[in-house]
Amino acid sequence: MAREIDEAWIDDAIDRYRRLDELRGEFEQVVASHSVSVHSPDDSIEVVVTAQGEITDVRISGSLQQRGTAEFAREIQAVVTKASEAARWARAKLHEEFFGRLHPLKED
């Protein structure tokens, strides 16, 4: 049995694909430029990370001479883990913001 071709549905699908492609490009630009700041549990280390996961800045407050290397290593590991989680969270929020408002193609 031959199916009828719905030209309007095809046009809508093409328009939707083009819009998704544009949104994807915009999304990647925003993800690369959106930053999140996190702190170590003792608040002595701050890491700035993009939603893409790139660490762009690390700031250390206080003196390093009063710290043991094991303690400092734990703080670094904790803040880097937080930064990774923050990047995933930011990317998910941006994804929802960009693509959450899209509606599926209508089936008649």
PDB file of N, CA and C in Angstrom:
ATOM      1  N   MET A   1       0.843  -1.171   0.000  1.00  0.00           N
ATOM      2  CA  MET A   1       0.000   0.000   0.000  1.00  0.00           C
ATOM      3  C   MET A   1       0.896   1.244   0.000  1.00  0.00           C
ATOM      4  N   ALA A   2       0.672   2.127  -0.905  1.00  0.00           N
ATOM      5  CA  ALA A   2       1.475   3.343  -1.013  1.00  0.00           C
ATOM      6  C   ALA A   2       1.047   4.355   0.047  1.00  0.00           C
ATOM      7  N   ARG A   3       2.044   5.036   0.620  1.00  0.00           N
ATOM      8  CA  ARG A   3       1.770   6.075   1.614  1.00  0.00           C
ATOM      9  C   ARG A   3       1.767   7.429   0.927  1.00  0.00           C
ATOM     10  N   GLU A   4       0.885   8.288   1.401  1.00  0.00           N
ATOM     11  CA  GLU A   4       0.853   9.645   0.876  1.00  0.00           C
ATOM     12  C   GLU A   4       2.002  10.443   1.483  1.00  0.00           C
ATOM     13  N   ILE A   5       2.580  11.294   0.698  1.00  0.00           N
ATOM     14  CA  ILE A   5       3.662  12.142   1.177  1.00  0.00           C
ATOM     15  C   ILE A   5       3.057  13.454   1.667  1.00  0.00           C
ATOM     16  N   ASP A   6       3.323  13.758   2.894  1.00  0.00           N
ATOM     17  CA  ASP A   6       2.821  14.994   3.494  1.00  0.00           C
ATOM     18  C   ASP A   6       3.914  16.047   3.368  1.00  0.00           C
ATOM     19  N   GLU A   7       3.777  16.893   2.348  1.00  0.00           N
ATOM     20  CA  GLU A   7       4.788  17.913   2.066  1.00  0.00           C
ATOM     21  C   GLU A   7       4.968  18.880   3.234  1.00  0.00           C
ATOM     22  N   ALA A   8       3.876  19.246   3.884  1.00  0.00           N
ATOM     23  CA  ALA A   8       3.966  20.181   5.015  1.00  0.00           C
ATOM     24  C   ALA A   8       4.773  19.566   6.150  1.00  0.00           C
ATOM     25  N   TRP A   9       4.575  18.273   6.417  1.00  0.00           N
ATOM     26  CA  TRP A   9       5.320  17.591   7.482  1.00  0.00           C
ATOM     27  C   TRP A   9       6.803  17.555   7.136  1.00  0.00           C
ATOM     28  N   ILE A  10       7.116  17.286   5.877  1.00  0.00           N
ATOM     29  CA  ILE A  10       8.516  17.250   5.437  1.00  0.00           C
ATOM     30  C   ILE A  10       9.145  18.632   5.583  1.00  0.00           C
ATOM     31  N   ASP A  11       8.418  19.676   5.169  1.00  0.00           N
ATOM     32  CA  ASP A  11       8.933  21.045   5.316  1.00  0.00           C
ATOM     33  C   ASP A  11       9.171  21.379   6.784  1.00  0.00           C
ATOM     34  N   ASP A  12       8.231  20.986   7.651  1.00  0.00           N
ATOM     35  CA  ASP A  12       8.392  21.219   9.091  1.00  0.00           C
ATOM     36  C   ASP A  12       9.610  20.486   9.630  1.00  0.00           C
ATOM     37  N   ALA A  13       9.818  19.263   9.171  1.00  0.00           N
ATOM     38  CA  ALA A  13      10.964  18.470   9.631  1.00  0.00           C
ATOM     39  C   ALA A  13      12.281  19.117   9.196  1.00  0.00           C
ATOM     40  N   ILE A  14      12.323  19.618   7.986  1.00  0.00           N
ATOM     41  CA  ILE A  14      13.536  20.282   7.489  1.00  0.00           C
ATOM     42  C   ILE A  14      13.801  21.561   8.283  1.00  0.00           C
ATOM     43  N   ASP A  15      12.756  22.342   8.506  1.00  0.00           N
ATOM     44  CA  ASP A  15      12.907  23.568   9.299  1.00  0.00           C
ATOM     45  C   ASP A  15      13.379  23.249  10.713  1.00  0.00           C
ATOM     46  N   ARG A  16      12.821  22.197  11.285  1.00  0.00           N
ATOM     47  CA  ARG A  16      13.204  21.787  12.639  1.00  0.00           C
ATOM     48  C   ARG A  16      14.671  21.361  12.684  1.00  0.00           C
ATOM     49  N   TYR A  17      15.113  20.615  11.690  1.00  0.00           N
ATOM     50  CA  TYR A  17      16.503  20.179  11.630  1.00  0.00           C
ATOM     51  C   TYR A  17      17.434  21.387  11.540  1.00  0.00           C
ATOM     52  N   ARG A  18      17.077  22.352  10.705  1.00  0.00           N
ATOM     53  CA  ARG A  18      17.910  23.554  10.576  1.00  0.00           C
ATOM     54  C   ARG A  18      17.968  24.315  11.900  1.00  0.00           C
ATOM     55  N   ARG A  19      16.826  24.440  12.562  1.00  0.00           N
ATOM     56  CA  ARG A  19      16.781  25.156  13.837  1.00  0.00           C
ATOM     57  C   ARG A  19      17.618  24.415  14.892  1.00  0.00           C
ATOM     58  N   LEU A  20      17.516  23.098  14.923  1.00  0.00           N
ATOM     59  CA  LEU A  20      18.322  22.315  15.875  1.00  0.00           C
ATOM     60  C   LEU A  20      19.809  22.496  15.608  1.00  0.00           C
ATOM     61  N   ASP A  21      20.181  22.539  14.357  1.00  0.00           N
ATOM     62  CA  ASP A  21      21.583  22.729  14.005  1.00  0.00           C
ATOM     63  C   ASP A  21      22.064  24.104  14.472  1.00  0.00           C
ATOM     64  N   GLU A  22      21.237  25.141  14.293  1.00  0.00           N
ATOM     65  CA  GLU A  22      21.579  26.481  14.773  1.00  0.00           C
ATOM     66  C   GLU A  22      21.695  26.504  16.298  1.00  0.00           C
ATOM     67  N   LEU A  23      20.719  25.882  16.964  1.00  0.00           N
ATOM     68  CA  LEU A  23      20.738  25.838  18.426  1.00  0.00           C
ATOM     69  C   LEU A  23      21.956  25.103  18.952  1.00  0.00           C
ATOM     70  N   ARG A  24      22.319  24.020  18.284  1.00  0.00           N
ATOM     71  CA  ARG A  24      23.489  23.252  18.710  1.00  0.00           C
ATOM     72  C   ARG A  24      24.751  24.106  18.662  1.00  0.00           C
ATOM     73  N   GLY A  25      24.895  24.883  17.603  1.00  0.00           N
ATOM     74  CA  GLY A  25      26.047  25.781  17.480  1.00  0.00           C
ATOM     75  C   GLY A  25      26.055  26.844  18.573  1.00  0.00           C
ATOM     76  N   GLU A  26      24.889  27.454  18.815  1.00  0.00           N
ATOM     77  CA  GLU A  26      24.775  28.451  19.880  1.00  0.00           C
ATOM     78  C   GLU A  26      25.059  27.816  21.243  1.00  0.00           C
ATOM     79  N   PHE A  27      24.536  26.619  21.445  1.00  0.00           N
ATOM     80  CA  PHE A  27      24.721  25.906  22.704  1.00  0.00           C
ATOM     81  C   PHE A  27      26.203  25.663  22.973  1.00  0.00           C
ATOM     82  N   GLU A  28      26.932  25.202  21.986  1.00  0.00           N
ATOM     83  CA  GLU A  28      28.358  24.926  22.165  1.00  0.00           C
ATOM     84  C   GLU A  28      29.132  26.196  22.505  1.00  0.00           C
ATOM     85  N   GLN A  29      28.758  27.319  21.904  1.00  0.00           N
ATOM     86  CA  GLN A  29      29.414  28.591  22.215  1.00  0.00           C
ATOM     87  C   GLN A  29      29.134  29.010  23.654  1.00  0.00           C
ATOM     88  N   VAL A  30      27.881  28.886  24.078  1.00  0.00           N
ATOM     89  CA  VAL A  30      27.514  29.281  25.437  1.00  0.00           C
ATOM     90  C   VAL A  30      28.176  28.354  26.454  1.00  0.00           C
ATOM     91  N   VAL A  31      28.211  27.060  26.177  1.00  0.00           N
ATOM     92  CA  VAL A  31      28.832  26.100  27.088  1.00  0.00           C
ATOM     93  C   VAL A  31      30.307  26.429  27.288  1.00  0.00           C
ATOM     94  N   ALA A  32      30.971  26.819  26.219  1.00  0.00           N
ATOM     95  CA  ALA A  32      32.401  27.140  26.310  1.00  0.00           C
ATOM     96  C   ALA A  32      32.650  28.433  27.082  1.00  0.00           C
ATOM     97  N   SER A  33      31.674  29.346  27.072  1.00  0.00           N
ATOM     98  CA  SER A  33      31.896  30.641  27.718  1.00  0.00           C
ATOM     99  C   SER A  33      31.252  30.757  29.104  1.00  0.00           C
ATOM    100  N   HIS A  34      30.392  29.823  29.479  1.00  0.00           N
ATOM    101  CA  HIS A  34      29.708  29.891  30.777  1.00  0.00           C
ATOM    102  C   HIS A  34      30.604  29.276  31.863  1.00  0.00           C
ATOM    103  N   SER A  35      30.872  30.035  32.920  1.00  0.00           N
ATOM    104  CA  SER A  35      31.761  29.568  33.984  1.00  0.00           C
ATOM    105  C   SER A  35      31.028  29.400  35.299  1.00  0.00           C
ATOM    106  N   VAL A  36      31.522  28.465  36.097  1.00  0.00           N
ATOM    107  CA  VAL A  36      31.001  28.187  37.430  1.00  0.00           C
ATOM    108  C   VAL A  36      32.197  28.176  38.381  1.00  0.00           C
ATOM    109  N   SER A  37      32.020  28.732  39.570  1.00  0.00           N
ATOM    110  CA  SER A  37      33.078  28.780  40.574  1.00  0.00           C
ATOM    111  C   SER A  37      32.714  27.861  41.733  1.00  0.00           C
ATOM    112  N   VAL A  38      33.662  27.042  42.165  1.00  0.00           N
ATOM    113  CA  VAL A  38      33.458  26.149  43.308  1.00  0.00           C
ATOM    114  C   VAL A  38      34.627  26.294  44.281  1.00  0.00           C
ATOM    115  N   HIS A  39      34.368  25.911  45.531  1.00  0.00           N
ATOM    116  CA  HIS A  39      35.386  26.031  46.587  1.00  0.00           C
ATOM    117  C   HIS A  39      35.632  24.676  47.252  1.00  0.00           C
ATOM    118  N   SER A  40      36.841  24.529  47.761  1.00  0.00           N
ATOM    119  CA  SER A  40      37.187  23.321  48.504  1.00  0.00           C
ATOM    120  C   SER A  40      36.405  23.312  49.812  1.00  0.00           C
ATOM    121  N   PRO A  41      36.314  22.151  50.461  1.00  0.00           N
ATOM    122  CA  PRO A  41      35.572  22.069  51.727  1.00  0.00           C
ATOM    123  C   PRO A  41      36.048  23.059  52.788  1.00  0.00           C
ATOM    124  N   ASP A  42      37.352  23.335  52.832  1.00  0.00           N
ATOM    125  CA  ASP A  42      37.845  24.302  53.828  1.00  0.00           C
ATOM    126  C   ASP A  42      37.867  25.734  53.294  1.00  0.00           C
ATOM    127  N   ASP A  43      37.353  25.923  52.081  1.00  0.00           N
ATOM    128  CA  ASP A  43      37.216  27.236  51.449  1.00  0.00           C
ATOM    129  C   ASP A  43      38.557  27.891  51.108  1.00  0.00           C
ATOM    130  N   SER A  44      39.626  27.127  51.076  1.00  0.00           N
ATOM    131  CA  SER A  44      40.938  27.711  50.797  1.00  0.00           C
ATOM    132  C   SER A  44      41.313  27.662  49.316  1.00  0.00           C
ATOM    133  N   ILE A  45      40.591  26.857  48.524  1.00  0.00           N
ATOM    134  CA  ILE A  45      40.890  26.729  47.102  1.00  0.00           C
ATOM    135  C   ILE A  45      39.611  27.013  46.324  1.00  0.00           C
ATOM    136  N   GLU A  46      39.735  27.874  45.329  1.00  0.00           N
ATOM    137  CA  GLU A  46      38.614  28.166  44.434  1.00  0.00           C
ATOM    138  C   GLU A  46      39.012  27.739  43.026  1.00  0.00           C
ATOM    139  N   VAL A  47      38.110  27.042  42.348  1.00  0.00           N
ATOM    140  CA  VAL A  47      38.338  26.612  40.973  1.00  0.00           C
ATOM    141  C   VAL A  47      37.209  27.165  40.120  1.00  0.00           C
ATOM    142  N   VAL A  48      37.570  27.766  39.000  1.00  0.00           N
ATOM    143  CA  VAL A  48      36.600  28.246  38.021  1.00  0.00           C
ATOM    144  C   VAL A  48      36.653  27.286  36.838  1.00  0.00           C
ATOM    145  N   VAL A  49      35.484  26.774  36.464  1.00  0.00           N
ATOM    146  CA  VAL A  49      35.393  25.783  35.396  1.00  0.00           C
ATOM    147  C   VAL A  49      34.278  26.183  34.443  1.00  0.00           C
ATOM    148  N   THR A  50      34.502  25.942  33.140  1.00  0.00           N
ATOM    149  CA  THR A  50      33.440  26.213  32.168  1.00  0.00           C
ATOM    150  C   THR A  50      32.459  25.048  32.177  1.00  0.00           C
ATOM    151  N   ALA A  51      31.291  25.279  31.607  1.00  0.00           N
ATOM    152  CA  ALA A  51      30.303  24.208  31.490  1.00  0.00           C
ATOM    153  C   ALA A  51      30.814  23.098  30.576  1.00  0.00           C
ATOM    154  N   GLN A  52      31.843  23.400  29.814  1.00  0.00           N
ATOM    155  CA  GLN A  52      32.494  22.421  28.942  1.00  0.00           C
ATOM    156  C   GLN A  52      33.448  21.516  29.725  1.00  0.00           C
ATOM    157  N   GLY A  53      33.782  21.935  30.962  1.00  0.00           N
ATOM    158  CA  GLY A  53      34.660  21.139  31.803  1.00  0.00           C
ATOM    159  C   GLY A  53      36.095  21.630  31.852  1.00  0.00           C
ATOM    160  N   GLU A  54      36.372  22.739  31.211  1.00  0.00           N
ATOM    161  CA  GLU A  54      37.734  23.289  31.199  1.00  0.00           C
ATOM    162  C   GLU A  54      37.956  24.157  32.439  1.00  0.00           C
ATOM    163  N   ILE A  55      38.981  23.824  33.205  1.00  0.00           N
ATOM    164  CA  ILE A  55      39.338  24.640  34.361  1.00  0.00           C
ATOM    165  C   ILE A  55      40.072  25.869  33.844  1.00  0.00           C
ATOM    166  N   THR A  56      39.534  27.051  34.166  1.00  0.00           N
ATOM    167  CA  THR A  56      40.109  28.294  33.644  1.00  0.00           C
ATOM    168  C   THR A  56      40.868  29.093  34.688  1.00  0.00           C
ATOM    169  N   ASP A  57      40.658  28.786  35.973  1.00  0.00           N
ATOM    170  CA  ASP A  57      41.369  29.520  37.012  1.00  0.00           C
ATOM    171  C   ASP A  57      41.378  28.712  38.301  1.00  0.00           C
ATOM    172  N   VAL A  58      42.466  28.848  39.043  1.00  0.00           N
ATOM    173  CA  VAL A  58      42.596  28.238  40.373  1.00  0.00           C
ATOM    174  C   VAL A  58      43.170  29.306  41.291  1.00  0.00           C
ATOM    175  N   ARG A  59      42.495  29.520  42.400  1.00  0.00           N
ATOM    176  CA  ARG A  59      42.968  30.508  43.372  1.00  0.00           C
ATOM    177  C   ARG A  59      43.143  29.826  44.726  1.00  0.00           C
ATOM    178  N   ILE A  60      44.250  30.108  45.368  1.00  0.00           N
ATOM    179  CA  ILE A  60      44.537  29.538  46.689  1.00  0.00           C
ATOM    180  C   ILE A  60      44.663  30.688  47.673  1.00  0.00           C
ATOM    181  N   SER A  61      43.905  30.594  48.763  1.00  0.00           N
ATOM    182  CA  SER A  61      43.991  31.628  49.787  1.00  0.00           C
ATOM    183  C   SER A  61      44.646  31.038  51.037  1.00  0.00           C
ATOM    184  N   GLY A  62      45.328  31.873  51.752  1.00  0.00           N
ATOM    185  CA  GLY A  62      46.015  31.405  52.953  1.00  0.00           C
ATOM    186  C   GLY A  62      47.398  30.898  52.631  1.00  0.00           C
ATOM    187  N   SER A  63      48.095  30.547  53.665  1.00  0.00           N
ATOM    188  CA  SER A  63      49.472  30.096  53.536  1.00  0.00           C
ATOM    189  C   SER A  63      49.535  28.594  53.290  1.00  0.00           C
ATOM    190  N   LEU A  64      50.407  28.194  52.402  1.00  0.00           N
ATOM    191  CA  LEU A  64      50.616  26.772  52.135  1.00  0.00           C
ATOM    192  C   LEU A  64      51.611  26.155  53.118  1.00  0.00           C
ATOM    193  N   GLN A  65      52.373  26.979  53.797  1.00  0.00           N
ATOM    194  CA  GLN A  65      53.400  26.475  54.699  1.00  0.00           C
ATOM    195  C   GLN A  65      52.806  25.778  55.916  1.00  0.00           C
ATOM    196  N   GLN A  66      51.604  26.121  56.285  1.00  0.00           N
ATOM    197  CA  GLN A  66      50.986  25.547  57.473  1.00  0.00           C
ATOM    198  C   GLN A  66      50.206  24.267  57.174  1.00  0.00           C
ATOM    199  N   ARG A  67      50.277  23.787  55.970  1.00  0.00           N
ATOM    200  CA  ARG A  67      49.517  22.610  55.569  1.00  0.00           C
ATOM    201  C   ARG A  67      50.421  21.427  55.304  1.00  0.00           C
ATOM    202  N   GLY A  68      49.883  20.265  55.615  1.00  0.00           N
ATOM    203  CA  GLY A  68      50.574  19.039  55.221  1.00  0.00           C
ATOM    204  C   GLY A  68      50.226  18.723  53.777  1.00  0.00           C
ATOM    205  N   THR A  69      51.115  18.019  53.119  1.00  0.00           N
ATOM    206  CA  THR A  69      50.874  17.711  51.706  1.00  0.00           C
ATOM    207  C   THR A  69      49.655  16.818  51.522  1.00  0.00           C
ATOM    208  N   ALA A  70      49.439  15.866  52.429  1.00  0.00           N
ATOM    209  CA  ALA A  70      48.276  14.973  52.303  1.00  0.00           C
ATOM    210  C   ALA A  70      46.972  15.762  52.440  1.00  0.00           C
ATOM    211  N   GLU A  71      46.932  16.672  53.389  1.00  0.00           N
ATOM    212  CA  GLU A  71      45.739  17.499  53.589  1.00  0.00           C
ATOM    213  C   GLU A  71      45.478  18.371  52.358  1.00  0.00           C
ATOM    214  N   PHE A  72      46.527  18.986  51.841  1.00  0.00           N
ATOM    215  CA  PHE A  72      46.396  19.848  50.673  1.00  0.00           C
ATOM    216  C   PHE A  72      45.933  19.043  49.453  1.00  0.00           C
ATOM    217  N   ALA A  73      46.494  17.848  49.295  1.00  0.00           N
ATOM    218  CA  ALA A  73      46.099  16.978  48.182  1.00  0.00           C
ATOM    219  C   ALA A  73      44.612  16.608  48.279  1.00  0.00           C
ATOM    220  N   ARG A  74      44.124  16.330  49.497  1.00  0.00           N
ATOM    221  CA  ARG A  74      42.694  16.006  49.686  1.00  0.00           C
ATOM    222  C   ARG A  74      41.814  17.188  49.298  1.00  0.00           C
ATOM    223  N   GLU A  75      42.227  18.395  49.669  1.00  0.00           N
ATOM    224  CA  GLU A  75      41.455  19.591  49.339  1.00  0.00           C
ATOM    225  C   GLU A  75      41.428  19.811  47.815  1.00  0.00           C
ATOM    226  N   ILE A  76      42.567  19.621  47.181  1.00  0.00           N
ATOM    227  CA  ILE A  76      42.628  19.772  45.720  1.00  0.00           C
ATOM    228  C   ILE A  76      41.732  18.741  45.048  1.00  0.00           C
ATOM    229  N   GLN A  77      41.833  17.502  45.480  1.00  0.00           N
ATOM    230  CA  GLN A  77      41.011  16.442  44.890  1.00  0.00           C
ATOM    231  C   GLN A  77      39.528  16.729  45.088  1.00  0.00           C
ATOM    232  N   ALA A  78      39.146  17.204  46.254  1.00  0.00           N
ATOM    233  CA  ALA A  78      37.738  17.505  46.539  1.00  0.00           C
ATOM    234  C   ALA A  78      37.226  18.642  45.658  1.00  0.00           C
ATOM    235  N   VAL A  79      38.013  19.690  45.501  1.00  0.00           N
ATOM    236  CA  VAL A  79      37.540  20.828  44.715  1.00  0.00           C
ATOM    237  C   VAL A  79      37.518  20.507  43.221  1.00  0.00           C
ATOM    238  N   VAL A  80      38.443  19.699  42.744  1.00  0.00           N
ATOM    239  CA  VAL A  80      38.423  19.303  41.332  1.00  0.00           C
ATOM    240  C   VAL A  80      37.207  18.413  41.056  1.00  0.00           C
ATOM    241  N   THR A  81      36.882  17.534  41.993  1.00  0.00           N
ATOM    242  CA  THR A  81      35.680  16.704  41.858  1.00  0.00           C
ATOM    243  C   THR A  81      34.432  17.591  41.821  1.00  0.00           C
ATOM    244  N   LYS A  82      34.365  18.574  42.722  1.00  0.00           N
ATOM    245  CA  LYS A  82      33.242  19.518  42.723  1.00  0.00           C
ATOM    246  C   LYS A  82      33.165  20.290  41.411  1.00  0.00           C
ATOM    247  N   ALA A  83      34.308  20.675  40.884  1.00  0.00           N
ATOM    248  CA  ALA A  83      34.335  21.425  39.623  1.00  0.00           C
ATOM    249  C   ALA A  83      33.779  20.579  38.481  1.00  0.00           C
ATOM    250  N   SER A  84      34.151  19.321  38.453  1.00  0.00           N
ATOM    251  CA  SER A  84      33.644  18.414  37.422  1.00  0.00           C
ATOM    252  C   SER A  84      32.129  18.265  37.524  1.00  0.00           C
ATOM    253  N   GLU A  85      31.645  18.103  38.741  1.00  0.00           N
ATOM    254  CA  GLU A  85      30.196  17.987  38.955  1.00  0.00           C
ATOM    255  C   GLU A  85      29.486  19.285  38.593  1.00  0.00           C
ATOM    256  N   ALA A  86      30.079  20.420  38.930  1.00  0.00           N
ATOM    257  CA  ALA A  86      29.481  21.717  38.613  1.00  0.00           C
ATOM    258  C   ALA A  86      29.418  21.937  37.103  1.00  0.00           C
ATOM    259  N   ALA A  87      30.447  21.512  36.385  1.00  0.00           N
ATOM    260  CA  ALA A  87      30.445  21.640  34.929  1.00  0.00           C
ATOM    261  C   ALA A  87      29.326  20.800  34.314  1.00  0.00           C
ATOM    262  N   ARG A  88      29.157  19.567  34.791  1.00  0.00           N
ATOM    263  CA  ARG A  88      28.065  18.706  34.294  1.00  0.00           C
ATOM    264  C   ARG A  88      26.707  19.340  34.590  1.00  0.00           C
ATOM    265  N   TRP A  89      26.553  19.867  35.806  1.00  0.00           N
ATOM    266  CA  TRP A  89      25.300  20.500  36.197  1.00  0.00           C
ATOM    267  C   TRP A  89      25.005  21.707  35.302  1.00  0.00           C
ATOM    268  N   ALA A  90      26.018  22.563  35.104  1.00  0.00           N
ATOM    269  CA  ALA A  90      25.829  23.761  34.280  1.00  0.00           C
ATOM    270  C   ALA A  90      25.481  23.383  32.843  1.00  0.00           C
ATOM    271  N   ARG A  91      26.165  22.381  32.319  1.00  0.00           N
ATOM    272  CA  ARG A  91      25.881  21.936  30.942  1.00  0.00           C
ATOM    273  C   ARG A  91      24.461  21.398  30.836  1.00  0.00           C
ATOM    274  N   ALA A  92      24.017  20.634  31.820  1.00  0.00           N
ATOM    275  CA  ALA A  92      22.650  20.085  31.803  1.00  0.00           C
ATOM    276  C   ALA A  92      21.618  21.202  31.874  1.00  0.00           C
ATOM    277  N   LYS A  93      21.863  22.210  32.715  1.00  0.00           N
ATOM    278  CA  LYS A  93      20.931  23.340  32.823  1.00  0.00           C
ATOM    279  C   LYS A  93      20.874  24.118  31.507  1.00  0.00           C
ATOM    280  N   LEU A  94      22.021  24.353  30.916  1.00  0.00           N
ATOM    281  CA  LEU A  94      22.045  25.064  29.642  1.00  0.00           C
ATOM    282  C   LEU A  94      21.354  24.247  28.551  1.00  0.00           C
ATOM    283  N   HIS A  95      21.568  22.935  28.563  1.00  0.00           N
ATOM    284  CA  HIS A  95      20.930  22.059  27.577  1.00  0.00           C
ATOM    285  C   HIS A  95      19.414  22.134  27.712  1.00  0.00           C
ATOM    286  N   GLU A  96      18.942  22.081  28.944  1.00  0.00           N
ATOM    287  CA  GLU A  96      17.500  22.180  29.191  1.00  0.00           C
ATOM    288  C   GLU A  96      16.964  23.531  28.710  1.00  0.00           C
ATOM    289  N   GLU A  97      17.727  24.579  28.969  1.00  0.00           N
ATOM    290  CA  GLU A  97      17.325  25.923  28.560  1.00  0.00           C
ATOM    291  C   GLU A  97      17.244  26.043  27.037  1.00  0.00           C
ATOM    292  N   PHE A  98      18.208  25.448  26.345  1.00  0.00           N
ATOM    293  CA  PHE A  98      18.248  25.543  24.890  1.00  0.00           C
ATOM    294  C   PHE A  98      17.266  24.601  24.204  1.00  0.00           C
ATOM    295  N   PHE A  99      17.216  23.365  24.651  1.00  0.00           N
ATOM    296  CA  PHE A  99      16.488  22.344  23.914  1.00  0.00           C
ATOM    297  C   PHE A  99      15.194  21.879  24.587  1.00  0.00           C
ATOM    298  N   GLY A 100      14.983  22.257  25.830  1.00  0.00           N
ATOM    299  CA  GLY A 100      13.795  21.818  26.555  1.00  0.00           C
ATOM    300  C   GLY A 100      12.509  22.393  26.023  1.00  0.00           C
ATOM    301  N   ARG A 101      12.589  23.504  25.328  1.00  0.00           N
ATOM    302  CA  ARG A 101      11.374  24.152  24.831  1.00  0.00           C
ATOM    303  C   ARG A 101      10.951  23.651  23.444  1.00  0.00           C
ATOM    304  N   LEU A 102      11.724  22.748  22.867  1.00  0.00           N
ATOM    305  CA  LEU A 102      11.358  22.219  21.541  1.00  0.00           C
ATOM    306  C   LEU A 102      10.234  21.210  21.678  1.00  0.00           C
ATOM    307  N   HIS A 103       9.364  21.226  20.699  1.00  0.00           N
ATOM    308  CA  HIS A 103       8.226  20.308  20.693  1.00  0.00           C
ATOM    309  C   HIS A 103       8.402  19.292  19.568  1.00  0.00           C
ATOM    310  N   PRO A 104       7.912  18.087  19.774  1.00  0.00           N
ATOM    311  CA  PRO A 104       8.048  17.083  18.715  1.00  0.00           C
ATOM    312  C   PRO A 104       7.207  17.449  17.479  1.00  0.00           C
ATOM    313  N   LEU A 105       7.581  16.872  16.364  1.00  0.00           N
ATOM    314  CA  LEU A 105       6.785  17.060  15.146  1.00  0.00           C
ATOM    315  C   LEU A 105       5.404  16.452  15.357  1.00  0.00           C
ATOM    316  N   LYS A 106       4.409  17.095  14.818  1.00  0.00           N
ATOM    317  CA  LYS A 106       3.033  16.616  14.992  1.00  0.00           C
ATOM    318  C   LYS A 106       2.732  15.518  13.998  1.00  0.00           C
ATOM    319  N   GLU A 107       2.187  14.436  14.499  1.00  0.00           N
ATOM    320  CA  GLU A 107       1.727  13.331  13.651  1.00  0.00           C
ATOM    321  C   GLU A 107       0.240  13.500  13.464  1.00  0.00           C
ATOM    322  N   ASP A 108      -0.217  13.449  12.238  1.00  0.00           N
ATOM    323  CA  ASP A 108      -1.662  13.577  11.979  1.00  0.00           C
ATOM    324  C   ASP A 108      -2.312  12.236  11.839  1.00  0.00           C
TER     325      ASP A 108
END
